[in-house]
Every structure is written in structure tokens, then in C-alpha cells.
Amino acid sequence: MSGEDGGFWADAYPIIPHPAEIIVGLVAFAILYWIVRSKVAPAFERVLAERQDAIEGGMSRAEEAQAEAQRALEEYRAQLAASRAEAASQREAARQEGAVIVAQMREQAQAEAQRITAAARQQIEADRQQAFNELRTQVGRMATDLAERIVGESLQDDERQRRVVDRFLADLEQGRTDGAGAGATAAREV
């Protein structure tokens, strides 16, 4: 045999380990498996579960935050739309109120203008009537004086004087304005 004595097992089965090594290896593996299974694996599982919960919780919190942000955005948009609608209705109400005020002011101005125009017409008519009456009185006096000079008698009778004046004015209005025709007509009435 050779100088090294490995025994029967090493000579007969050089590749296969000795059964005592296999038993010691199996016992060591079992002890190591039990330590890993009872101590290390639960810690890994706990850490993995915590990470998974954190990830899922983070995702759910992110989804909740996104849903909350979406609700807030929709609420903001609804408030913005309501504000715009309210502003539009207020603008429309102000426009209508302005139109009503303008219409009222226009009506008041027209009424005032009509009142002023009516007062002016009345004043003009009163002035015209006053001027006509003054002119009639003056023309009547002048016609009476002229008739007295032409006829040579007094026309102090009020009724006769009024008829002469009316006839003279009627002749003037008809276009017979020459002095002789008017004087002759006045003389005929006397």
C-alpha cells in the first residue's frame, strides 16, 4: 500500500466522503437550517412584510391623496364655475339695472322737455294773446281817432267803437290793408 493510510473507505471510494463526515454535515446542516428557519427567516419575512405593507400603504396613501386632490380640484372647478356664473348674473343684473336707470332718466328728461316745451308754448301763446290784445286796443284807438277825423263826429259809444274795430281788424286779416278802404269801411259802420 501507499505511504498514506486513508483507510478502507478512502481506498475503496475515493470520491465519496466518509459516512461520519456525512452524518456530521447533516447534523450541522439541520442545526443551521433550524437556526435560519426559526430566527433569520421570520426576521426576513417580517422585514419583507413591513416593506410590502409600506409599499402598499404608500400606494394606497398615494391613491387616497390623488383621489383627495382630484376631489379638491373638482370642488375648486365647481366653485370657480359657480363664481363665474354668479359674476355673470351680477353683471347681467347690473346691466339691466343700468338700462332701467337710463330708461327712467330718459323718460324723466323727455317729460321735463315736454313740460318745458308746453310751458314755453303757453308763455308764447299768452305773450301772443297779450300782444294781439294790446295791438287790437291800439289799432282800435287809432281807427276810432281816424274815423272821428274822417266823419267828423264822436265815436264814444263803446258798442259802436267795438264794431268798428272788429270790422277794421277783419278787413286787415283779409288782406285789405290800405288806409282808404279801412277808413271808408269804418266810416260806413258809423
Protein backbone atom coordinates (compact mmCIF):
# COMPACT_ATOMS: atom_id res chain seq x y z
CA MET A 1 0.00 0.00 0.00
CA SER A 2 0.89 3.56 -0.17
CA GLY A 3 2.57 5.62 2.47
CA GLU A 4 -0.58 7.39 3.46
CA ASP A 5 -3.11 5.31 5.12
CA GLY A 6 -6.57 6.62 4.41
CA GLY A 7 -8.33 3.50 5.43
CA PHE A 8 -10.64 1.29 3.61
CA TRP A 9 -13.19 3.87 2.81
CA ALA A 10 -10.72 6.29 1.31
CA ASP A 11 -9.16 3.50 -0.74
CA ALA A 12 -12.37 1.92 -1.88
CA TYR A 13 -14.40 5.05 -2.50
CA PRO A 14 -12.04 7.91 -3.04
CA ILE A 15 -14.75 10.33 -4.30
CA ILE A 16 -17.48 9.61 -1.75
CA PRO A 17 -16.98 11.24 1.67
CA HIS A 18 -16.73 9.19 4.82
CA PRO A 19 -20.09 8.36 6.46
CA ALA A 20 -19.09 10.14 9.66
CA GLU A 21 -18.50 13.32 7.68
CA ILE A 22 -21.87 12.92 6.07
CA ILE A 23 -23.55 12.50 9.45
CA VAL A 24 -21.71 15.46 10.97
CA GLY A 25 -22.53 17.51 7.85
CA LEU A 26 -26.21 16.50 8.04
CA VAL A 27 -26.39 17.37 11.75
CA ALA A 28 -24.66 20.71 11.14
CA PHE A 29 -26.99 21.39 8.20
CA ALA A 30 -30.03 20.53 10.33
CA ILE A 31 -28.86 22.83 13.12
CA LEU A 32 -28.12 25.60 10.62
CA TYR A 33 -31.49 25.02 8.91
CA TRP A 34 -33.28 25.19 12.24
CA ILE A 35 -31.50 28.46 13.21
CA VAL A 36 -32.23 30.03 9.84
CA ARG A 37 -35.81 28.76 9.88
CA SER A 38 -36.59 29.87 13.43
CA LYS A 39 -34.56 33.07 13.73
CA VAL A 40 -33.42 34.51 10.40
CA ALA A 41 -36.36 33.62 8.13
CA PRO A 42 -39.01 35.22 10.38
CA ALA A 43 -36.96 38.40 10.57
CA PHE A 44 -36.65 38.45 6.77
CA GLU A 45 -40.36 37.69 6.39
CA ARG A 46 -41.21 40.42 8.89
CA VAL A 47 -38.98 42.95 7.08
CA LEU A 48 -40.43 41.88 3.72
CA ALA A 49 -43.98 42.13 5.10
CA GLU A 50 -43.24 45.58 6.52
CA ARG A 51 -41.76 46.70 3.21
CA GLN A 52 -44.73 45.26 1.33
CA ASP A 53 -47.13 46.98 3.74
CA ALA A 54 -45.17 50.20 3.40
CA ILE A 55 -45.24 49.94 -0.38
CA GLU A 56 -48.92 49.00 -0.49
CA GLY A 57 -49.73 51.58 2.19
CA GLY A 58 -47.72 54.17 0.31
CA MET A 59 -49.56 53.27 -2.87
CA SER A 60 -52.91 53.37 -1.11
CA ARG A 61 -51.98 56.66 0.57
CA ALA A 62 -50.84 57.97 -2.80
CA GLU A 63 -54.12 56.83 -4.35
CA GLU A 64 -56.05 58.43 -1.48
CA ALA A 65 -54.02 61.61 -1.83
CA GLN A 66 -54.61 61.58 -5.57
CA ALA A 67 -58.33 60.99 -5.03
CA GLU A 68 -58.40 63.80 -2.46
CA ALA A 69 -56.53 66.08 -4.85
CA GLN A 70 -58.99 65.16 -7.60
CA ARG A 71 -61.94 65.92 -5.29
CA ALA A 72 -60.33 69.22 -4.30
CA LEU A 73 -59.75 70.04 -7.97
CA GLU A 74 -63.36 69.21 -8.84
CA GLU A 75 -64.56 71.27 -5.88
CA TYR A 76 -62.34 74.15 -6.98
CA ARG A 77 -63.67 73.90 -10.52
CA ALA A 78 -67.24 73.78 -9.24
CA GLN A 79 -66.62 76.84 -7.05
CA LEU A 80 -64.94 78.60 -9.95
CA ALA A 81 -67.88 77.79 -12.24
CA ALA A 82 -70.32 78.95 -9.55
CA SER A 83 -68.32 82.15 -9.07
CA ARG A 84 -68.26 82.77 -12.79
CA ALA A 85 -71.99 82.13 -13.05
CA GLU A 86 -72.64 84.45 -10.11
CA ALA A 87 -70.40 87.13 -11.62
CA ALA A 88 -72.20 86.76 -14.95
CA SER A 89 -75.60 87.04 -13.26
CA GLN A 90 -74.42 90.09 -11.30
CA ARG A 91 -73.10 91.68 -14.50
CA GLU A 92 -76.41 90.95 -16.22
CA ALA A 93 -78.36 92.34 -13.26
CA ALA A 94 -76.17 95.46 -13.23
CA ARG A 95 -76.61 95.85 -16.99
CA GLN A 96 -80.39 95.51 -16.65
CA GLU A 97 -80.44 97.90 -13.71
CA GLY A 98 -78.34 100.35 -15.72
CA ALA A 99 -80.73 100.01 -18.64
CA VAL A 100 -83.68 100.66 -16.32
CA ILE A 101 -81.94 103.71 -14.83
CA VAL A 102 -81.11 105.02 -18.31
CA ALA A 103 -84.70 104.45 -19.42
CA GLN A 104 -86.02 106.23 -16.32
CA MET A 105 -83.65 109.13 -16.83
CA ARG A 106 -84.63 109.29 -20.49
CA GLU A 107 -88.33 109.30 -19.53
CA GLN A 108 -87.71 112.00 -16.93
CA ALA A 109 -85.75 114.07 -19.44
CA GLN A 110 -88.48 113.66 -22.05
CA ALA A 111 -91.17 114.56 -19.52
CA GLU A 112 -89.15 117.58 -18.41
CA ALA A 113 -88.59 118.59 -22.04
CA GLN A 114 -92.30 118.22 -22.76
CA ARG A 115 -93.16 120.21 -19.65
CA ILE A 116 -90.69 122.95 -20.61
CA THR A 117 -91.98 122.92 -24.20
CA ALA A 118 -95.60 123.11 -23.01
CA ALA A 119 -94.75 125.93 -20.61
CA ALA A 120 -92.90 127.77 -23.39
CA ARG A 121 -95.85 127.29 -25.75
CA GLN A 122 -98.23 128.55 -23.10
CA GLN A 123 -95.97 131.53 -22.45
CA ILE A 124 -95.67 132.21 -26.19
CA GLU A 125 -99.43 131.90 -26.60
CA ALA A 126 -100.00 134.21 -23.62
CA ASP A 127 -97.47 136.71 -24.99
CA ARG A 128 -99.04 136.48 -28.44
CA GLN A 129 -102.51 136.94 -27.00
CA GLN A 130 -101.31 139.87 -24.89
CA ALA A 131 -99.59 141.44 -27.89
CA PHE A 132 -102.69 140.82 -30.00
CA ASN A 133 -104.91 142.42 -27.35
CA GLU A 134 -102.56 145.40 -26.98
CA LEU A 135 -102.36 145.75 -30.74
CA ARG A 136 -106.11 145.46 -31.05
CA THR A 137 -106.58 148.15 -28.41
CA GLN A 138 -104.05 150.44 -30.09
CA VAL A 139 -105.45 149.78 -33.56
CA GLY A 140 -108.96 150.33 -32.20
CA ARG A 141 -107.96 153.69 -30.75
CA MET A 142 -106.19 154.67 -33.92
CA ALA A 143 -109.14 153.55 -36.06
CA THR A 144 -111.57 155.42 -33.83
CA ASP A 145 -109.43 158.54 -33.97
CA LEU A 146 -109.11 158.22 -37.72
CA ALA A 147 -112.82 157.60 -38.16
CA GLU A 148 -113.67 160.58 -35.97
CA ARG A 149 -111.44 162.77 -38.08
CA ILE A 150 -112.87 161.47 -41.33
CA VAL A 151 -116.51 161.51 -40.29
CA GLY A 152 -116.24 164.46 -38.05
CA GLU A 153 -118.38 163.08 -35.24
CA SER A 154 -117.55 161.43 -31.98
CA LEU A 155 -117.43 157.65 -31.66
CA GLN A 156 -117.51 157.49 -27.88
CA ASP A 157 -120.21 154.84 -27.84
CA ASP A 158 -118.42 151.66 -26.74
CA GLU A 159 -120.60 149.29 -28.75
CA ARG A 160 -120.18 151.27 -31.94
CA GLN A 161 -116.44 151.61 -31.31
CA ARG A 162 -116.09 147.84 -30.78
CA ARG A 163 -117.92 147.07 -34.05
CA VAL A 164 -115.75 149.48 -35.98
CA VAL A 165 -112.57 147.98 -34.54
CA ASP A 166 -113.73 144.41 -35.20
CA ARG A 167 -114.65 145.25 -38.77
CA PHE A 168 -111.32 147.01 -39.31
CA LEU A 169 -109.34 144.07 -37.97
CA ALA A 170 -111.38 141.65 -40.07
CA ASP A 171 -110.55 143.71 -43.15
CA LEU A 172 -106.88 143.70 -42.19
CA GLU A 173 -106.90 139.94 -41.84
CA GLN A 174 -108.48 139.54 -45.27
CA GLY A 175 -105.71 141.47 -46.87
CA ARG A 176 -107.34 144.84 -47.36
CA THR A 177 -104.73 146.85 -45.59
CA ASP A 178 -104.84 150.15 -47.44
CA GLY A 179 -105.82 153.13 -45.30
CA ALA A 180 -108.65 154.42 -47.54
CA GLY A 181 -110.53 151.14 -47.71
CA ALA A 182 -110.25 150.64 -44.00
CA GLY A 183 -111.24 154.21 -43.29
CA ALA A 184 -114.20 154.03 -45.66
CA THR A 185 -115.37 150.79 -44.10
CA ALA A 186 -115.04 152.30 -40.64
CA ALA A 187 -117.00 155.35 -41.81
CA ARG A 188 -119.78 153.17 -43.20
CA GLU A 189 -120.20 151.45 -39.86
CA VAL A 190 -120.69 154.75 -38.08
